[in-house]
Protein backbone atom coordinates (compact mmCIF):
# COMPACT_ATOMS: atom_id res chain seq x y z
CA MET A 1 0.18 0.02 -0.09
CA THR A 2 1.40 3.29 -1.15
CA SER A 3 1.60 5.98 1.52
CA PRO A 4 -0.04 9.48 0.78
CA ARG A 5 2.29 12.04 -0.63
CA PRO A 6 3.16 14.83 1.60
CA ARG A 7 1.91 17.97 1.82
CA SER A 8 3.04 21.18 0.43
CA PRO A 9 4.09 23.82 3.10
CA LEU A 10 1.43 26.13 1.44
CA HIS A 11 -1.28 23.21 1.83
CA GLU A 12 -0.17 22.62 5.35
CA ARG A 13 -0.63 26.28 5.99
CA HIS A 14 -4.25 26.33 4.19
CA SER A 15 -5.35 23.43 6.21
CA ALA A 16 -4.41 25.09 9.70
CA VAL A 17 -6.50 28.49 8.94
CA LEU A 18 -9.25 27.71 6.47
CA PRO A 19 -12.33 25.50 6.80
CA ASP A 20 -12.20 21.69 6.40
CA TRP A 21 -15.22 22.03 3.87
CA LEU A 22 -13.27 24.51 1.81
CA SER A 23 -12.97 22.03 -1.32
CA LEU A 24 -9.48 21.55 -2.91
CA TYR A 25 -9.25 19.92 -6.50
CA TYR A 26 -6.48 17.18 -6.81
CA GLU A 27 -4.52 14.88 -4.67
CA ARG A 28 -1.78 17.43 -4.69
CA PRO A 29 -3.50 21.04 -4.69
CA LEU A 30 -2.40 23.29 -7.48
CA GLU A 31 -1.24 26.88 -6.70
CA ILE A 32 -1.95 29.09 -9.77
CA THR A 33 0.57 32.04 -9.87
CA HIS A 34 -0.48 33.62 -13.18
CA GLY A 35 -2.30 33.23 -16.41
CA GLU A 36 -2.56 34.74 -20.11
CA GLY A 37 -5.18 33.93 -22.57
CA ARG A 38 -6.38 30.39 -21.98
CA HIS A 39 -3.39 28.91 -20.42
CA VAL A 40 -2.28 29.16 -16.33
CA TRP A 41 0.84 28.45 -14.71
CA ASP A 42 1.34 26.85 -11.41
CA ALA A 43 4.05 27.68 -8.62
CA ASP A 44 6.41 24.86 -10.12
CA GLY A 45 6.43 26.50 -13.54
CA ASN A 46 4.06 23.92 -15.10
CA ARG A 47 1.68 25.26 -18.17
CA TYR A 48 -1.74 24.29 -18.14
CA LEU A 49 -4.44 24.74 -20.62
CA ASP A 50 -7.44 26.19 -18.62
CA PHE A 51 -10.98 24.83 -19.61
CA PHE A 52 -12.59 25.68 -16.35
CA GLY A 53 -11.83 29.27 -16.06
CA GLY A 54 -12.03 29.63 -12.17
CA ILE A 55 -15.42 28.20 -12.21
CA LEU A 56 -16.51 30.01 -15.39
CA THR A 57 -15.51 33.31 -14.18
CA THR A 58 -12.77 33.86 -16.30
CA MET A 59 -14.92 34.15 -19.14
CA THR A 60 -13.16 36.01 -21.68
CA ALA A 61 -9.20 35.31 -21.07
CA HIS A 62 -6.68 35.36 -18.43
CA ALA A 63 -4.76 38.95 -18.19
CA LEU A 64 -7.08 40.29 -21.04
CA PRO A 65 -5.25 43.76 -21.71
CA GLU A 66 -8.48 45.54 -22.27
CA VAL A 67 -9.69 44.51 -18.68
CA THR A 68 -6.32 44.91 -16.67
CA LYS A 69 -6.10 48.56 -18.12
CA ALA A 70 -9.62 49.54 -16.99
CA VAL A 71 -9.10 47.81 -13.57
CA SER A 72 -5.45 49.85 -13.45
CA GLU A 73 -6.56 53.21 -14.49
CA GLN A 74 -9.85 53.22 -12.39
CA ALA A 75 -7.78 51.97 -9.16
CA GLY A 76 -5.56 54.74 -9.96
CA ARG A 77 -8.36 57.36 -9.34
CA ILE A 78 -10.63 55.82 -6.83
CA ILE A 79 -10.98 52.27 -5.85
CA HIS A 80 -14.24 52.53 -3.53
CA SER A 81 -17.14 55.04 -2.68
CA SER A 82 -20.20 52.66 -1.88
CA THR A 83 -23.49 53.03 -3.26
CA LEU A 84 -24.44 56.17 -1.40
CA TYR A 85 -22.61 58.28 -3.88
CA LEU A 86 -23.29 58.63 -7.51
CA ASN A 87 -20.98 56.25 -9.42
CA ARG A 88 -20.35 56.53 -13.23
CA PRO A 89 -19.19 53.36 -14.27
CA MET A 90 -21.84 51.75 -12.11
CA VAL A 91 -24.38 53.61 -14.13
CA GLU A 92 -22.95 53.00 -17.45
CA LEU A 93 -22.69 49.37 -16.82
CA ALA A 94 -26.24 49.11 -15.64
CA GLU A 95 -27.35 50.89 -18.66
CA ARG A 96 -25.82 48.57 -21.08
CA ILE A 97 -26.98 45.36 -19.14
CA ALA A 98 -30.53 46.96 -18.69
CA ALA A 99 -30.57 47.28 -22.72
CA LEU A 100 -29.45 43.83 -23.41
CA SER A 101 -31.41 41.88 -20.79
CA GLY A 102 -34.83 41.90 -22.72
CA ILE A 103 -36.71 43.17 -19.69
CA PRO A 104 -39.09 45.99 -19.95
CA ASP A 105 -38.38 48.94 -17.96
CA ALA A 106 -35.47 47.15 -16.23
CA ARG A 107 -33.56 48.17 -13.00
CA VAL A 108 -30.08 46.54 -12.22
CA PHE A 109 -28.73 46.15 -8.65
CA PHE A 110 -25.21 45.08 -8.37
CA THR A 111 -23.69 42.51 -5.72
CA THR A 112 -20.46 40.98 -5.28
CA SER A 113 -21.27 37.42 -6.05
CA GLY A 114 -24.00 35.06 -7.79
CA THR A 115 -24.86 34.01 -4.16
CA GLU A 116 -25.74 37.34 -3.34
CA ALA A 117 -27.51 38.11 -6.66
CA ASN A 118 -29.61 35.13 -5.91
CA ASP A 119 -30.44 36.06 -2.23
CA THR A 120 -31.38 39.34 -3.45
CA ALA A 121 -33.73 37.92 -6.29
CA LEU A 122 -35.47 35.86 -3.45
CA LEU A 123 -35.67 38.84 -1.28
CA LEU A 124 -37.53 40.83 -4.08
CA ALA A 125 -39.78 38.00 -5.10
CA THR A 126 -40.89 37.27 -1.65
CA ALA A 127 -41.48 40.84 -0.73
CA TYR A 128 -43.23 41.52 -3.94
CA ARG A 129 -45.56 38.69 -3.62
CA SER A 130 -45.85 38.77 0.14
CA SER A 131 -44.96 34.87 0.48
CA ASN A 132 -42.11 32.55 1.35
CA GLN A 133 -42.98 29.89 -0.83
CA VAL A 134 -40.55 29.05 -3.47
CA LEU A 135 -40.23 26.59 -6.09
CA ALA A 136 -36.96 25.25 -7.26
CA MET A 137 -35.73 22.59 -9.46
CA ARG A 138 -34.13 19.20 -8.52
CA ASN A 139 -30.41 18.90 -8.61
CA SER A 140 -30.26 22.72 -8.84
CA TYR A 141 -27.43 24.94 -7.07
CA HIS A 142 -27.80 28.59 -6.30
CA GLY A 143 -25.30 29.35 -3.89
CA ARG A 144 -23.97 29.08 -0.35
CA SER A 145 -25.91 31.46 1.80
CA PHE A 146 -28.62 30.42 4.23
CA SER A 147 -31.40 31.53 1.76
CA THR A 148 -29.85 30.09 -1.47
CA VAL A 149 -28.77 26.83 0.21
CA SER A 150 -32.70 26.58 1.16
CA VAL A 151 -33.44 26.60 -2.67
CA THR A 152 -30.66 24.59 -3.72
CA GLY A 153 -31.82 20.69 -4.83
CA ASN A 154 -28.64 19.17 -4.99
CA ARG A 155 -27.89 17.35 -1.50
CA GLY A 156 -24.33 17.60 -1.98
CA TRP A 157 -24.26 21.39 -1.46
CA SER A 158 -27.15 21.77 0.95
CA PRO A 159 -25.58 21.28 4.36
CA THR A 160 -28.54 22.13 6.66
CA GLY A 161 -32.35 21.42 6.56
CA TYR A 162 -33.17 24.74 8.22
CA SER A 163 -34.67 27.42 5.94
CA PRO A 164 -36.05 30.89 5.59
CA LEU A 165 -38.32 29.71 3.00
CA GLN A 166 -40.48 26.95 2.21
CA THR A 167 -39.35 25.30 -1.03
CA THR A 168 -40.82 22.65 -3.25
CA TYR A 169 -38.70 20.86 -6.00
CA VAL A 170 -39.99 20.39 -9.54
CA HIS A 171 -39.14 17.81 -12.04
CA GLY A 172 -37.56 18.74 -15.61
CA ALA A 173 -33.91 20.26 -15.28
CA VAL A 174 -32.55 16.66 -15.71
CA ARG A 175 -33.64 15.23 -19.11
CA ASP A 176 -31.99 11.89 -19.00
CA ARG A 177 -32.65 10.73 -15.71
CA GLY A 178 -35.87 10.20 -13.40
CA PRO A 179 -39.30 9.20 -14.10
CA PHE A 180 -40.01 10.89 -17.29
CA ALA A 181 -36.40 10.09 -19.01
CA ALA A 182 -37.97 7.72 -21.25
CA LEU A 183 -40.32 10.36 -22.90
CA ASP A 184 -39.64 12.24 -26.08
CA ASP A 185 -39.03 15.85 -25.71
CA ALA A 186 -42.57 16.94 -26.28
CA ALA A 187 -43.77 14.24 -23.72
CA PHE A 188 -41.23 15.07 -21.42
CA THR A 189 -42.27 18.70 -21.17
CA ALA A 190 -46.06 17.86 -21.04
CA ALA A 191 -45.54 15.30 -18.12
CA CYS A 192 -43.39 18.09 -16.04
CA VAL A 193 -46.04 20.76 -16.73
CA ALA A 194 -48.73 18.17 -15.60
CA ASP A 195 -46.64 17.32 -12.43
CA LEU A 196 -46.21 21.27 -11.82
CA LYS A 197 -50.17 21.89 -12.19
CA ASP A 198 -50.54 18.75 -9.77
CA LEU A 199 -47.86 20.31 -7.15
CA LEU A 200 -49.78 23.79 -7.32
CA GLY A 201 -52.84 22.11 -6.25
CA HIS A 202 -51.22 20.94 -3.19
CA THR A 203 -49.53 24.13 -1.94
CA ARG A 204 -49.95 27.64 -1.06
CA THR A 205 -49.24 30.23 -4.09
CA PRO A 206 -45.51 30.41 -4.35
CA ALA A 207 -43.71 33.76 -4.74
CA ALA A 208 -41.42 32.47 -7.50
CA LEU A 209 -39.67 29.62 -9.36
CA ILE A 210 -36.14 29.86 -9.57
CA ALA A 211 -34.25 27.86 -12.34
CA GLU A 212 -30.56 27.65 -14.09
CA PRO A 213 -31.27 27.31 -17.88
CA VAL A 214 -28.18 25.00 -17.59
CA GLN A 215 -27.63 23.60 -14.46
CA GLY A 216 -23.96 24.25 -13.46
CA VAL A 217 -23.02 22.53 -10.45
CA GLY A 218 -25.48 19.86 -11.26
CA GLY A 219 -23.46 18.73 -14.23
CA PHE A 220 -24.56 20.98 -17.17
CA THR A 221 -27.84 19.13 -17.36
CA MET A 222 -30.71 20.91 -19.08
CA PRO A 223 -34.46 20.52 -19.92
CA PRO A 224 -35.80 20.54 -23.63
CA ASP A 225 -35.90 24.03 -25.06
CA GLY A 226 -39.18 25.88 -24.36
CA LEU A 227 -39.89 23.93 -20.80
CA TYR A 228 -39.65 27.10 -18.81
CA ALA A 229 -41.79 28.85 -21.37
CA ALA A 230 -44.25 26.11 -20.52
CA PHE A 231 -43.97 26.32 -16.93
CA ARG A 232 -44.46 30.16 -17.09
CA GLU A 233 -47.71 29.86 -18.69
CA VAL A 234 -49.00 27.85 -15.73
CA LEU A 235 -47.11 30.04 -13.20
CA ALA A 236 -48.28 33.45 -15.06
CA GLU A 237 -51.85 32.71 -14.23
CA ARG A 238 -51.14 32.55 -10.51
CA GLY A 239 -49.08 35.58 -10.61
CA VAL A 240 -46.11 33.81 -9.76
CA LEU A 241 -42.86 35.19 -10.64
CA TRP A 242 -39.92 33.55 -12.88
CA ILE A 243 -36.32 34.11 -11.66
CA SER A 244 -33.56 32.88 -14.15
CA ASP A 245 -30.46 32.07 -12.73
CA GLU A 246 -28.00 33.17 -15.28
CA VAL A 247 -25.04 32.89 -13.26
CA GLN A 248 -23.16 30.44 -15.34
CA THR A 249 -25.25 30.86 -18.63
CA GLY A 250 -25.16 34.44 -19.36
CA TRP A 251 -23.19 36.67 -21.62
CA GLY A 252 -23.26 34.16 -24.81
CA ARG A 253 -21.60 31.13 -23.32
CA THR A 254 -24.29 28.72 -24.70
CA GLY A 255 -23.47 29.90 -28.04
CA ASP A 256 -27.09 29.87 -29.40
CA HIS A 257 -28.10 32.58 -27.14
CA PHE A 258 -27.05 35.68 -25.28
CA TRP A 259 -28.91 34.43 -22.18
CA GLY A 260 -29.93 30.91 -21.17
CA TRP A 261 -33.36 32.08 -20.72
CA GLN A 262 -33.73 32.79 -24.53
CA ALA A 263 -33.99 28.84 -25.27
CA HIS A 264 -37.42 29.44 -23.38
CA ALA A 265 -38.49 32.54 -24.66
CA ASP A 266 -41.92 31.87 -26.29
CA ASN A 267 -43.63 34.17 -23.93
CA GLY A 268 -41.10 36.89 -23.17
CA PRO A 269 -38.17 37.51 -20.67
CA PRO A 270 -38.25 36.11 -17.28
CA ASP A 271 -39.61 38.56 -14.40
CA ILE A 272 -36.10 38.49 -12.76
CA VAL A 273 -32.63 37.59 -13.99
CA THR A 274 -29.70 36.93 -11.69
CA PHE A 275 -25.81 37.19 -13.10
CA ALA A 276 -22.26 36.99 -11.83
CA LYS A 277 -19.22 35.19 -12.82
CA GLY A 278 -18.04 35.65 -16.29
CA ILE A 279 -19.20 39.29 -16.42
CA GLY A 280 -16.14 40.72 -14.32
CA ASN A 281 -13.70 38.27 -15.99
CA GLY A 282 -12.48 37.42 -12.68
CA MET A 283 -13.39 40.85 -10.44
CA SER A 284 -16.22 40.27 -8.12
CA VAL A 285 -19.31 41.25 -9.89
CA GLY A 286 -22.83 40.09 -9.68
CA GLY A 287 -26.28 41.44 -9.82
CA VAL A 288 -29.99 41.41 -10.36
CA ILE A 289 -31.89 42.68 -13.22
CA ALA A 290 -35.92 43.15 -12.77
CA ARG A 291 -38.65 45.41 -14.12
CA ALA A 292 -39.07 48.29 -12.11
CA GLU A 293 -41.96 47.59 -10.10
CA ILE A 294 -40.52 44.43 -8.58
CA MET A 295 -37.17 45.90 -7.89
CA ASN A 296 -38.66 49.13 -6.21
CA CYS A 297 -40.96 46.94 -4.32
CA ILE A 298 -38.33 47.28 -1.06
CA ASP A 299 -40.01 50.09 1.07
CA THR A 300 -36.94 50.45 3.40
CA ASN A 301 -33.60 51.57 3.05
CA SER A 302 -30.68 49.93 1.56
CA ILE A 303 -27.10 50.03 0.51
CA SER A 304 -24.65 47.85 -1.14
CA THR A 305 -20.99 48.44 0.76
CA PHE A 306 -19.05 46.68 -2.07
CA GLY A 307 -21.59 45.71 -5.02
CA GLY A 308 -21.19 48.20 -7.90
CA SER A 309 -17.66 49.20 -6.89
CA PRO A 310 -15.90 51.54 -9.29
CA VAL A 311 -12.91 49.09 -10.06
CA THR A 312 -15.17 45.83 -10.69
CA MET A 313 -17.57 48.17 -12.81
CA ALA A 314 -14.72 49.26 -14.79
CA ALA A 315 -13.82 45.74 -15.42
CA GLY A 316 -17.35 44.85 -16.37
CA LEU A 317 -17.73 47.46 -18.99
CA ALA A 318 -14.45 46.51 -20.59
CA ASN A 319 -15.29 42.86 -20.62
CA LEU A 320 -18.67 43.17 -21.92
CA SER A 321 -17.37 45.78 -24.89
CA TYR A 322 -14.89 43.15 -25.76
CA VAL A 323 -17.50 40.15 -25.61
CA LEU A 324 -19.96 42.03 -27.79
CA GLU A 325 -17.28 43.51 -30.15
CA HIS A 326 -15.29 40.42 -30.81
CA ASP A 327 -18.54 38.17 -31.22
CA LEU A 328 -17.82 35.73 -28.42
CA GLN A 329 -21.12 34.37 -28.54
CA GLY A 330 -20.45 33.22 -32.11
CA ASN A 331 -16.89 31.88 -31.12
CA ALA A 332 -18.74 30.01 -28.38
CA ARG A 333 -21.33 28.44 -31.02
CA ARG A 334 -18.59 27.54 -33.37
CA VAL A 335 -15.58 26.30 -31.39
CA GLY A 336 -18.14 25.00 -28.52
CA GLY A 337 -19.65 22.79 -31.33
CA LEU A 338 -16.16 21.40 -32.55
CA LEU A 339 -15.33 20.67 -29.04
CA LEU A 340 -18.66 18.74 -28.32
CA GLU A 341 -18.13 16.92 -31.76
CA ARG A 342 -14.83 15.68 -30.57
CA LEU A 343 -15.75 14.83 -27.04
CA ARG A 344 -18.85 12.69 -28.39
CA ALA A 345 -16.49 10.99 -30.63
CA THR A 346 -14.16 9.92 -27.88
CA ALA A 347 -17.17 8.86 -25.64
CA ALA A 348 -18.24 6.53 -28.25
CA ARG A 349 -14.97 4.40 -27.46
CA VAL A 350 -15.17 4.55 -23.79
CA ASP A 351 -17.28 2.50 -21.78
CA ALA A 352 -17.42 4.41 -18.79
CA VAL A 353 -18.84 7.63 -20.67
CA ARG A 354 -22.78 7.62 -20.12
CA ALA A 355 -23.38 10.83 -22.10
CA VAL A 356 -21.88 14.05 -23.46
CA ARG A 357 -23.90 17.02 -23.19
CA GLY A 358 -23.65 20.73 -23.45
CA ARG A 359 -24.71 24.07 -25.35
CA GLY A 360 -21.99 26.40 -26.62
CA LEU A 361 -18.58 26.37 -24.28
CA MET A 362 -20.41 24.21 -21.76
CA ALA A 363 -19.76 20.72 -22.00
CA GLY A 364 -20.49 17.84 -19.38
CA VAL A 365 -19.09 14.41 -19.60
CA GLU A 366 -21.11 12.04 -17.28
CA LEU A 367 -19.07 8.78 -16.01
CA VAL A 368 -20.54 5.66 -14.61
CA ARG A 369 -19.48 2.26 -13.88
CA PRO A 370 -19.75 0.50 -16.99
CA GLY A 371 -22.66 -1.89 -17.64
CA THR A 372 -24.41 -0.23 -14.72
CA GLY A 373 -25.44 3.28 -15.17
CA GLU A 374 -24.39 4.10 -11.81
CA ALA A 375 -22.56 7.16 -11.12
CA SER A 376 -18.87 6.78 -10.71
CA PRO A 377 -17.09 9.66 -8.76
CA GLU A 378 -13.98 7.80 -8.37
CA ARG A 379 -13.68 7.70 -12.12
CA ALA A 380 -14.40 11.52 -12.61
CA ALA A 381 -11.51 12.01 -9.71
CA ALA A 382 -9.22 9.63 -11.67
CA VAL A 383 -10.01 11.59 -14.97
CA ILE A 384 -9.54 15.19 -13.47
CA GLU A 385 -5.83 14.02 -12.26
CA ALA A 386 -5.02 12.52 -15.64
CA ALA A 387 -5.94 15.49 -17.56
CA ARG A 388 -4.17 17.70 -15.11
CA GLU A 389 -1.03 15.55 -15.52
CA ARG A 390 -1.12 16.12 -19.47
CA GLY A 391 -1.69 20.06 -18.84
CA LEU A 392 -5.43 20.46 -18.92
CA LEU A 393 -7.57 21.68 -16.20
CA ILE A 394 -11.15 21.05 -15.98
CA GLY A 395 -13.95 20.61 -13.30
CA LYS A 396 -16.58 18.34 -11.85
CA GLY A 397 -20.06 18.17 -10.64
CA GLY A 398 -23.17 16.44 -11.10
CA GLY A 399 -25.73 15.32 -8.47
CA HIS A 400 -24.30 14.21 -4.94
CA ASP A 401 -22.39 11.91 -6.76
CA THR A 402 -20.04 14.37 -8.74
CA SER A 403 -19.43 12.07 -11.43
CA VAL A 404 -19.85 14.79 -14.21
CA LEU A 405 -16.63 16.18 -15.80
CA ARG A 406 -17.27 20.20 -16.31
CA ILE A 407 -15.63 21.92 -19.36
CA ALA A 408 -16.08 25.30 -19.87
CA PRO A 409 -13.10 27.27 -21.26
CA PRO A 410 -12.97 31.06 -21.77
CA LEU A 411 -14.92 32.17 -24.73
CA THR A 412 -11.81 33.29 -26.85
CA LEU A 413 -10.98 29.75 -27.20
CA THR A 414 -9.19 29.26 -30.52
CA VAL A 415 -9.96 26.08 -32.77
CA ALA A 416 -6.38 24.77 -32.04
CA GLU A 417 -6.84 25.05 -28.30
CA ALA A 418 -10.09 23.15 -28.67
CA GLU A 419 -8.32 20.15 -30.51
CA GLU A 420 -5.37 20.40 -28.14
CA GLY A 421 -7.81 20.13 -25.08
CA ALA A 422 -10.13 17.55 -26.98
CA GLU A 423 -7.00 15.33 -27.58
CA ILE A 424 -5.84 15.58 -23.88
CA MET A 425 -9.73 14.48 -22.82
CA ASP A 426 -9.14 11.60 -25.38
CA ARG A 427 -6.25 10.41 -23.79
CA ALA A 428 -7.26 11.03 -20.07
CA LEU A 429 -10.56 9.17 -20.45
CA ARG A 430 -8.97 6.29 -22.25
CA ALA A 431 -6.48 5.85 -19.48
CA LEU A 432 -9.34 4.77 -17.38
């Protein structure tokens, strides 16, 4: 029996002062020291192709000159003032996001994270509807705060059963598992809608449904296009709001659409949209978009000390301009399509791969014990290690079993880099 490798000095220091539940990837946790484009380097000088971008946060590129220049210039003027003062970069970014949102008479509130954005959306919805009843999707993840944990349907990320909300979980976000998996898309959607109607007959009228168009932590699972539009028809009859959690799907990452909700857009935009991660390209930016009557329903004083900071807003403005001017949504569609095609070709030769799914530059590779369909977290862990050894960083997720490899490179990924990453994935998966 081999003894475990000794911890690095930094890992020892980390363990001495930080919580045990603060997850680290890899048997030998990685210290990333710097990055450029789609690559990062560790403290030992090893170079990696980054296909996870700090959990989809370095959305555009590492050390993107336009963003670093904007941050440096703004920091040289003023770093912080709070929302108690007028803030030109915050107003300018809010104007651009409101115009892109599709929500009429939109208002934007900035936070520092996706957790805080979803927490704010739940506050708005419950205050507006005078109800603490919430609908959420099974296998979902919405953050780590007390309220967002209480609407998280993935038990691996829900550490307490206590909650300020009464949450009921709905079928539909996981297409290929569960009681309706064998149905075709139309029948699947009809069955989920019927289940939703039945559920509403047994509960008090909820304030809102919160849903990710593509479940991130859940393993890049998604319903058939149009499911949330069908849900909304049912919900709108009762005045129930639709909150679209776009923390991972926004800004063109899905390729086909700028927002994930647009795959379900038959009857207009959501009532509330939340965002974070990619818009700051690594800076701490999150936020909520809602029509004015919902956003303005709060009748008490409120501020944000750090949300909308001049420096993070400058980063967001520069990053959003780059995304739009360089058609990174189109790049996600083109290069992401190539990457998914290559991953599916590999999967056809590997018995342990149950499914490859995704959209744009979001790809999930689900691993199982061959011949059983049972999730295989140990295989996912082995592939992540094998990919790292070959110079590629990827993530993992799924239900409580974390058996899905999550692949989400920066949106500037080139064809050559997609081919390189796919080749490494091929070798790592076949090493099983």
